[in-house]
Amino acid sequence: MAATNNTRKEYTNGELTIVWKPEKCVHAGVCVKTLPKVYDPKRKPWIQAENASTEALKSQIETCPSGALSYFKNT
């Protein structure tokens, strides 16, 4: 049985943490088109959560077609 890749990367703006699971990503580009100041695949790190409000991030993440992006509120 093949091992599954459970890679996950986290990026925070202080209030909210974005979780990205690269193996689920279908590269539809919805994130980049919606919030280009946050998501830039040419930049390292490619997600800069501090460049948008928490509400804008939540709204965009909820439109991710693959489910590769999710979030949790920091306590």
PDB file of N, CA and C in Angstrom:
ATOM      1  N   MET A   1       0.843  -1.180   0.000  1.00  0.00           N
ATOM      2  CA  MET A   1       0.000   0.000   0.000  1.00  0.00           C
ATOM      3  C   MET A   1       0.888   1.244   0.000  1.00  0.00           C
ATOM      4  N   ALA A   2       0.594   2.197  -0.859  1.00  0.00           N
ATOM      5  CA  ALA A   2       1.400   3.405  -0.978  1.00  0.00           C
ATOM      6  C   ALA A   2       1.137   4.339   0.198  1.00  0.00           C
ATOM      7  N   ALA A   3       2.185   5.000   0.626  1.00  0.00           N
ATOM      8  CA  ALA A   3       2.045   5.972   1.711  1.00  0.00           C
ATOM      9  C   ALA A   3       1.392   7.235   1.161  1.00  0.00           C
ATOM     10  N   THR A   4       0.559   7.859   1.975  1.00  0.00           N
ATOM     11  CA  THR A   4      -0.065   9.109   1.549  1.00  0.00           C
ATOM     12  C   THR A   4       0.780  10.278   2.024  1.00  0.00           C
ATOM     13  N   ASN A   5       0.809  11.307   1.249  1.00  0.00           N
ATOM     14  CA  ASN A   5       1.552  12.509   1.580  1.00  0.00           C
ATOM     15  C   ASN A   5       0.617  13.433   2.356  1.00  0.00           C
ATOM     16  N   ASN A   6       0.935  13.655   3.607  1.00  0.00           N
ATOM     17  CA  ASN A   6       0.096  14.502   4.455  1.00  0.00           C
ATOM     18  C   ASN A   6       0.756  15.854   4.711  1.00  0.00           C
ATOM     19  N   THR A   7       1.487  16.353   3.723  1.00  0.00           N
ATOM     20  CA  THR A   7       2.146  17.643   3.868  1.00  0.00           C
ATOM     21  C   THR A   7       1.104  18.730   4.073  1.00  0.00           C
ATOM     22  N   ARG A   8       1.373  19.593   5.026  1.00  0.00           N
ATOM     23  CA  ARG A   8       0.527  20.762   5.239  1.00  0.00           C
ATOM     24  C   ARG A   8       1.415  21.912   5.650  1.00  0.00           C
ATOM     25  N   LYS A   9       1.101  23.065   5.128  1.00  0.00           N
ATOM     26  CA  LYS A   9       1.854  24.274   5.438  1.00  0.00           C
ATOM     27  C   LYS A   9       0.885  25.266   6.059  1.00  0.00           C
ATOM     28  N   GLU A  10       1.367  26.033   7.004  1.00  0.00           N
ATOM     29  CA  GLU A  10       0.524  27.009   7.693  1.00  0.00           C
ATOM     30  C   GLU A  10       1.104  28.412   7.564  1.00  0.00           C
ATOM     31  N   TYR A  11       0.194  29.369   7.372  1.00  0.00           N
ATOM     32  CA  TYR A  11       0.553  30.769   7.232  1.00  0.00           C
ATOM     33  C   TYR A  11      -0.459  31.573   8.040  1.00  0.00           C
ATOM     34  N   THR A  12       0.008  32.544   8.827  1.00  0.00           N
ATOM     35  CA  THR A  12      -0.925  33.265   9.688  1.00  0.00           C
ATOM     36  C   THR A  12      -0.845  34.780   9.510  1.00  0.00           C
ATOM     37  N   ASN A  13      -1.965  35.429   9.813  1.00  0.00           N
ATOM     38  CA  ASN A  13      -1.987  36.891   9.881  1.00  0.00           C
ATOM     39  C   ASN A  13      -2.134  37.340  11.334  1.00  0.00           C
ATOM     40  N   GLY A  14      -2.017  36.405  12.262  1.00  0.00           N
ATOM     41  CA  GLY A  14      -2.155  36.697  13.684  1.00  0.00           C
ATOM     42  C   GLY A  14      -3.512  36.270  14.215  1.00  0.00           C
ATOM     43  N   GLU A  15      -4.575  36.569  13.494  1.00  0.00           N
ATOM     44  CA  GLU A  15      -5.939  36.200  13.885  1.00  0.00           C
ATOM     45  C   GLU A  15      -6.364  34.850  13.329  1.00  0.00           C
ATOM     46  N   LEU A  16      -5.887  34.556  12.124  1.00  0.00           N
ATOM     47  CA  LEU A  16      -6.335  33.383  11.379  1.00  0.00           C
ATOM     48  C   LEU A  16      -5.105  32.674  10.813  1.00  0.00           C
ATOM     49  N   THR A  17      -5.150  31.360  10.772  1.00  0.00           N
ATOM     50  CA  THR A  17      -4.072  30.591  10.153  1.00  0.00           C
ATOM     51  C   THR A  17      -4.623  29.859   8.936  1.00  0.00           C
ATOM     52  N   ILE A  18      -3.978  30.073   7.803  1.00  0.00           N
ATOM     53  CA  ILE A  18      -4.322  29.376   6.564  1.00  0.00           C
ATOM     54  C   ILE A  18      -3.561  28.060   6.550  1.00  0.00           C
ATOM     55  N   VAL A  19      -4.268  26.985   6.234  1.00  0.00           N
ATOM     56  CA  VAL A  19      -3.645  25.672   6.087  1.00  0.00           C
ATOM     57  C   VAL A  19      -3.711  25.309   4.612  1.00  0.00           C
ATOM     58  N   TRP A  20      -2.560  24.988   4.034  1.00  0.00           N
ATOM     59  CA  TRP A  20      -2.485  24.587   2.628  1.00  0.00           C
ATOM     60  C   TRP A  20      -1.977  23.163   2.550  1.00  0.00           C
ATOM     61  N   LYS A  21      -2.736  22.308   1.875  1.00  0.00           N
ATOM     62  CA  LYS A  21      -2.355  20.917   1.644  1.00  0.00           C
ATOM     63  C   LYS A  21      -2.023  20.774   0.158  1.00  0.00           C
ATOM     64  N   PRO A  22      -0.723  20.860  -0.187  1.00  0.00           N
ATOM     65  CA  PRO A  22      -0.334  20.888  -1.599  1.00  0.00           C
ATOM     66  C   PRO A  22      -0.780  19.680  -2.407  1.00  0.00           C
ATOM     67  N   GLU A  23      -0.868  18.507  -1.797  1.00  0.00           N
ATOM     68  CA  GLU A  23      -1.259  17.312  -2.567  1.00  0.00           C
ATOM     69  C   GLU A  23      -2.713  17.359  -3.017  1.00  0.00           C
ATOM     70  N   LYS A  24      -3.534  18.205  -2.384  1.00  0.00           N
ATOM     71  CA  LYS A  24      -4.933  18.346  -2.792  1.00  0.00           C
ATOM     72  C   LYS A  24      -5.140  19.440  -3.839  1.00  0.00           C
ATOM     73  N   CYS A  25      -4.162  20.318  -3.984  1.00  0.00           N
ATOM     74  CA  CYS A  25      -4.295  21.486  -4.854  1.00  0.00           C
ATOM     75  C   CYS A  25      -4.396  21.084  -6.324  1.00  0.00           C
ATOM     76  N   VAL A  26      -5.395  21.616  -7.020  1.00  0.00           N
ATOM     77  CA  VAL A  26      -5.569  21.361  -8.454  1.00  0.00           C
ATOM     78  C   VAL A  26      -5.118  22.567  -9.291  1.00  0.00           C
ATOM     79  N   HIS A  27      -4.545  23.562  -8.640  1.00  0.00           N
ATOM     80  CA  HIS A  27      -3.981  24.742  -9.304  1.00  0.00           C
ATOM     81  C   HIS A  27      -5.005  25.446 -10.199  1.00  0.00           C
ATOM     82  N   ALA A  28      -6.223  25.567  -9.698  1.00  0.00           N
ATOM     83  CA  ALA A  28      -7.275  26.263 -10.439  1.00  0.00           C
ATOM     84  C   ALA A  28      -7.007  27.767 -10.500  1.00  0.00           C
ATOM     85  N   GLY A  29      -6.242  28.292  -9.556  1.00  0.00           N
ATOM     86  CA  GLY A  29      -5.878  29.702  -9.570  1.00  0.00           C
ATOM     87  C   GLY A  29      -6.896  30.635  -8.960  1.00  0.00           C
ATOM     88  N   VAL A  30      -7.937  30.093  -8.355  1.00  0.00           N
ATOM     89  CA  VAL A  30      -8.972  30.939  -7.741  1.00  0.00           C
ATOM     90  C   VAL A  30      -8.357  31.825  -6.664  1.00  0.00           C
ATOM     91  N   CYS A  31      -7.483  31.276  -5.853  1.00  0.00           N
ATOM     92  CA  CYS A  31      -6.866  32.044  -4.772  1.00  0.00           C
ATOM     93  C   CYS A  31      -6.026  33.202  -5.327  1.00  0.00           C
ATOM     94  N   VAL A  32      -5.209  32.914  -6.332  1.00  0.00           N
ATOM     95  CA  VAL A  32      -4.332  33.927  -6.926  1.00  0.00           C
ATOM     96  C   VAL A  32      -5.147  35.035  -7.583  1.00  0.00           C
ATOM     97  N   LYS A  33      -6.215  34.673  -8.277  1.00  0.00           N
ATOM     98  CA  LYS A  33      -7.057  35.664  -8.949  1.00  0.00           C
ATOM     99  C   LYS A  33      -7.835  36.509  -7.953  1.00  0.00           C
ATOM    100  N   THR A  34      -8.276  35.893  -6.858  1.00  0.00           N
ATOM    101  CA  THR A  34      -9.095  36.600  -5.870  1.00  0.00           C
ATOM    102  C   THR A  34      -8.265  37.520  -4.978  1.00  0.00           C
ATOM    103  N   LEU A  35      -7.143  37.023  -4.485  1.00  0.00           N
ATOM    104  CA  LEU A  35      -6.297  37.809  -3.566  1.00  0.00           C
ATOM    105  C   LEU A  35      -4.828  37.744  -4.012  1.00  0.00           C
ATOM    106  N   PRO A  36      -4.484  38.440  -5.099  1.00  0.00           N
ATOM    107  CA  PRO A  36      -3.115  38.351  -5.611  1.00  0.00           C
ATOM    108  C   PRO A  36      -2.048  38.902  -4.668  1.00  0.00           C
ATOM    109  N   LYS A  37      -2.422  39.763  -3.727  1.00  0.00           N
ATOM    110  CA  LYS A  37      -1.439  40.274  -2.765  1.00  0.00           C
ATOM    111  C   LYS A  37      -1.138  39.248  -1.676  1.00  0.00           C
ATOM    112  N   VAL A  38      -2.004  38.252  -1.539  1.00  0.00           N
ATOM    113  CA  VAL A  38      -1.801  37.184  -0.560  1.00  0.00           C
ATOM    114  C   VAL A  38      -1.130  35.981  -1.218  1.00  0.00           C
ATOM    115  N   TYR A  39      -1.651  35.561  -2.364  1.00  0.00           N
ATOM    116  CA  TYR A  39      -1.197  34.346  -3.043  1.00  0.00           C
ATOM    117  C   TYR A  39      -0.382  34.709  -4.282  1.00  0.00           C
ATOM    118  N   ASP A  40       0.910  34.410  -4.249  1.00  0.00           N
ATOM    119  CA  ASP A  40       1.783  34.675  -5.390  1.00  0.00           C
ATOM    120  C   ASP A  40       2.761  33.517  -5.516  1.00  0.00           C
ATOM    121  N   PRO A  41       2.502  32.590  -6.452  1.00  0.00           N
ATOM    122  CA  PRO A  41       3.345  31.406  -6.575  1.00  0.00           C
ATOM    123  C   PRO A  41       4.803  31.693  -6.932  1.00  0.00           C
ATOM    124  N   LYS A  42       5.110  32.911  -7.350  1.00  0.00           N
ATOM    125  CA  LYS A  42       6.493  33.264  -7.693  1.00  0.00           C
ATOM    126  C   LYS A  42       7.267  33.783  -6.479  1.00  0.00           C
ATOM    127  N   ARG A  43       6.583  33.992  -5.364  1.00  0.00           N
ATOM    128  CA  ARG A  43       7.182  34.560  -4.165  1.00  0.00           C
ATOM    129  C   ARG A  43       7.405  33.458  -3.134  1.00  0.00           C
ATOM    130  N   LYS A  44       8.376  33.638  -2.263  1.00  0.00           N
ATOM    131  CA  LYS A  44       8.621  32.719  -1.147  1.00  0.00           C
ATOM    132  C   LYS A  44       8.490  33.488   0.149  1.00  0.00           C
ATOM    133  N   PRO A  45       7.666  33.125   1.085  1.00  0.00           N
ATOM    134  CA  PRO A  45       6.627  32.111   0.941  1.00  0.00           C
ATOM    135  C   PRO A  45       5.535  32.604  -0.005  1.00  0.00           C
ATOM    136  N   TRP A  46       4.878  31.685  -0.632  1.00  0.00           N
ATOM    137  CA  TRP A  46       3.906  32.065  -1.668  1.00  0.00           C
ATOM    138  C   TRP A  46       2.596  32.583  -1.089  1.00  0.00           C
ATOM    139  N   ILE A  47       2.334  32.309   0.193  1.00  0.00           N
ATOM    140  CA  ILE A  47       1.146  32.844   0.866  1.00  0.00           C
ATOM    141  C   ILE A  47       1.605  33.849   1.919  1.00  0.00           C
ATOM    142  N   GLN A  48       1.101  35.072   1.823  1.00  0.00           N
ATOM    143  CA  GLN A  48       1.385  36.108   2.806  1.00  0.00           C
ATOM    144  C   GLN A  48       0.054  36.589   3.382  1.00  0.00           C
ATOM    145  N   ALA A  49      -0.377  35.885   4.405  1.00  0.00           N
ATOM    146  CA  ALA A  49      -1.700  36.093   4.998  1.00  0.00           C
ATOM    147  C   ALA A  49      -1.893  37.495   5.561  1.00  0.00           C
ATOM    148  N   GLU A  50      -0.830  38.164   5.927  1.00  0.00           N
ATOM    149  CA  GLU A  50      -0.938  39.502   6.507  1.00  0.00           C
ATOM    150  C   GLU A  50      -1.365  40.554   5.481  1.00  0.00           C
ATOM    151  N   ASN A  51      -1.430  40.188   4.207  1.00  0.00           N
ATOM    152  CA  ASN A  51      -1.782  41.138   3.148  1.00  0.00           C
ATOM    153  C   ASN A  51      -3.281  41.239   2.867  1.00  0.00           C
ATOM    154  N   ALA A  52      -4.111  40.646   3.733  1.00  0.00           N
ATOM    155  CA  ALA A  52      -5.573  40.764   3.576  1.00  0.00           C
ATOM    156  C   ALA A  52      -6.222  40.661   4.951  1.00  0.00           C
ATOM    157  N   SER A  53      -7.441  41.137   5.027  1.00  0.00           N
ATOM    158  CA  SER A  53      -8.181  41.041   6.282  1.00  0.00           C
ATOM    159  C   SER A  53      -8.582  39.588   6.534  1.00  0.00           C
ATOM    160  N   THR A  54      -8.860  39.303   7.779  1.00  0.00           N
ATOM    161  CA  THR A  54      -9.308  37.958   8.151  1.00  0.00           C
ATOM    162  C   THR A  54     -10.577  37.594   7.399  1.00  0.00           C
ATOM    163  N   GLU A  55     -11.507  38.518   7.283  1.00  0.00           N
ATOM    164  CA  GLU A  55     -12.765  38.235   6.574  1.00  0.00           C
ATOM    165  C   GLU A  55     -12.535  37.954   5.097  1.00  0.00           C
ATOM    166  N   ALA A  56     -11.635  38.716   4.467  1.00  0.00           N
ATOM    167  CA  ALA A  56     -11.320  38.480   3.053  1.00  0.00           C
ATOM    168  C   ALA A  56     -10.678  37.110   2.867  1.00  0.00           C
ATOM    169  N   LEU A  57      -9.792  36.736   3.774  1.00  0.00           N
ATOM    170  CA  LEU A  57      -9.152  35.420   3.701  1.00  0.00           C
ATOM    171  C   LEU A  57     -10.180  34.303   3.845  1.00  0.00           C
ATOM    172  N   LYS A  58     -11.050  34.414   4.834  1.00  0.00           N
ATOM    173  CA  LYS A  58     -12.075  33.384   5.051  1.00  0.00           C
ATOM    174  C   LYS A  58     -12.966  33.239   3.822  1.00  0.00           C
ATOM    175  N   SER A  59     -13.395  34.363   3.265  1.00  0.00           N
ATOM    176  CA  SER A  59     -14.271  34.348   2.101  1.00  0.00           C
ATOM    177  C   SER A  59     -13.597  33.654   0.917  1.00  0.00           C
ATOM    178  N   GLN A  60     -12.330  33.970   0.668  1.00  0.00           N
ATOM    179  CA  GLN A  60     -11.604  33.364  -0.442  1.00  0.00           C
ATOM    180  C   GLN A  60     -11.385  31.874  -0.209  1.00  0.00           C
ATOM    181  N   ILE A  61     -10.952  31.495   0.976  1.00  0.00           N
ATOM    182  CA  ILE A  61     -10.654  30.091   1.280  1.00  0.00           C
ATOM    183  C   ILE A  61     -11.901  29.225   1.095  1.00  0.00           C
ATOM    184  N   GLU A  62     -13.045  29.750   1.436  1.00  0.00           N
ATOM    185  CA  GLU A  62     -14.291  28.995   1.295  1.00  0.00           C
ATOM    186  C   GLU A  62     -14.654  28.733  -0.168  1.00  0.00           C
ATOM    187  N   THR A  63     -13.985  29.413  -1.115  1.00  0.00           N
ATOM    188  CA  THR A  63     -14.247  29.183  -2.543  1.00  0.00           C
ATOM    189  C   THR A  63     -13.213  28.254  -3.195  1.00  0.00           C
ATOM    190  N   CYS A  64     -12.263  27.756  -2.427  1.00  0.00           N
ATOM    191  CA  CYS A  64     -11.223  26.876  -2.975  1.00  0.00           C
ATOM    192  C   CYS A  64     -11.873  25.603  -3.523  1.00  0.00           C
ATOM    193  N   PRO A  65     -11.754  25.353  -4.832  1.00  0.00           N
ATOM    194  CA  PRO A  65     -12.474  24.235  -5.434  1.00  0.00           C
ATOM    195  C   PRO A  65     -11.967  22.850  -5.022  1.00  0.00           C
ATOM    196  N   SER A  66     -10.711  22.754  -4.612  1.00  0.00           N
ATOM    197  CA  SER A  66     -10.142  21.435  -4.284  1.00  0.00           C
ATOM    198  C   SER A  66     -10.176  21.127  -2.794  1.00  0.00           C
ATOM    199  N   GLY A  67     -10.371  22.137  -1.969  1.00  0.00           N
ATOM    200  CA  GLY A  67     -10.290  21.925  -0.527  1.00  0.00           C
ATOM    201  C   GLY A  67      -8.855  21.918  -0.026  1.00  0.00           C
ATOM    202  N   ALA A  68      -7.920  22.337  -0.866  1.00  0.00           N
ATOM    203  CA  ALA A  68      -6.516  22.383  -0.455  1.00  0.00           C
ATOM    204  C   ALA A  68      -6.258  23.476   0.572  1.00  0.00           C
ATOM    205  N   LEU A  69      -7.096  24.504   0.568  1.00  0.00           N
ATOM    206  CA  LEU A  69      -6.974  25.584   1.529  1.00  0.00           C
ATOM    207  C   LEU A  69      -8.065  25.457   2.581  1.00  0.00           C
ATOM    208  N   SER A  70      -7.668  25.613   3.826  1.00  0.00           N
ATOM    209  CA  SER A  70      -8.622  25.684   4.928  1.00  0.00           C
ATOM    210  C   SER A  70      -8.043  26.681   5.931  1.00  0.00           C
ATOM    211  N   TYR A  71      -8.742  26.904   7.025  1.00  0.00           N
ATOM    212  CA  TYR A  71      -8.246  27.857   8.008  1.00  0.00           C
ATOM    213  C   TYR A  71      -8.752  27.503   9.391  1.00  0.00           C
ATOM    214  N   PHE A  72      -8.095  28.075  10.384  1.00  0.00           N
ATOM    215  CA  PHE A  72      -8.606  28.029  11.751  1.00  0.00           C
ATOM    216  C   PHE A  72      -8.287  29.363  12.407  1.00  0.00           C
ATOM    217  N   LYS A  73      -9.156  29.731  13.351  1.00  0.00           N
ATOM    218  CA  LYS A  73      -8.973  30.974  14.101  1.00  0.00           C
ATOM    219  C   LYS A  73      -7.939  30.721  15.193  1.00  0.00           C
ATOM    220  N   ASN A  74      -7.016  31.642  15.356  1.00  0.00           N
ATOM    221  CA  ASN A  74      -6.025  31.541  16.409  1.00  0.00           C
ATOM    222  C   ASN A  74      -6.665  31.956  17.727  1.00  0.00           C
ATOM    223  N   THR A  75      -6.274  31.316  18.802  1.00  0.00           N
ATOM    224  CA  THR A  75      -6.863  31.660  20.109  1.00  0.00           C
ATOM    225  C   THR A  75      -5.953  32.551  20.895  1.00  0.00           C
TER     226      THR A  75
END
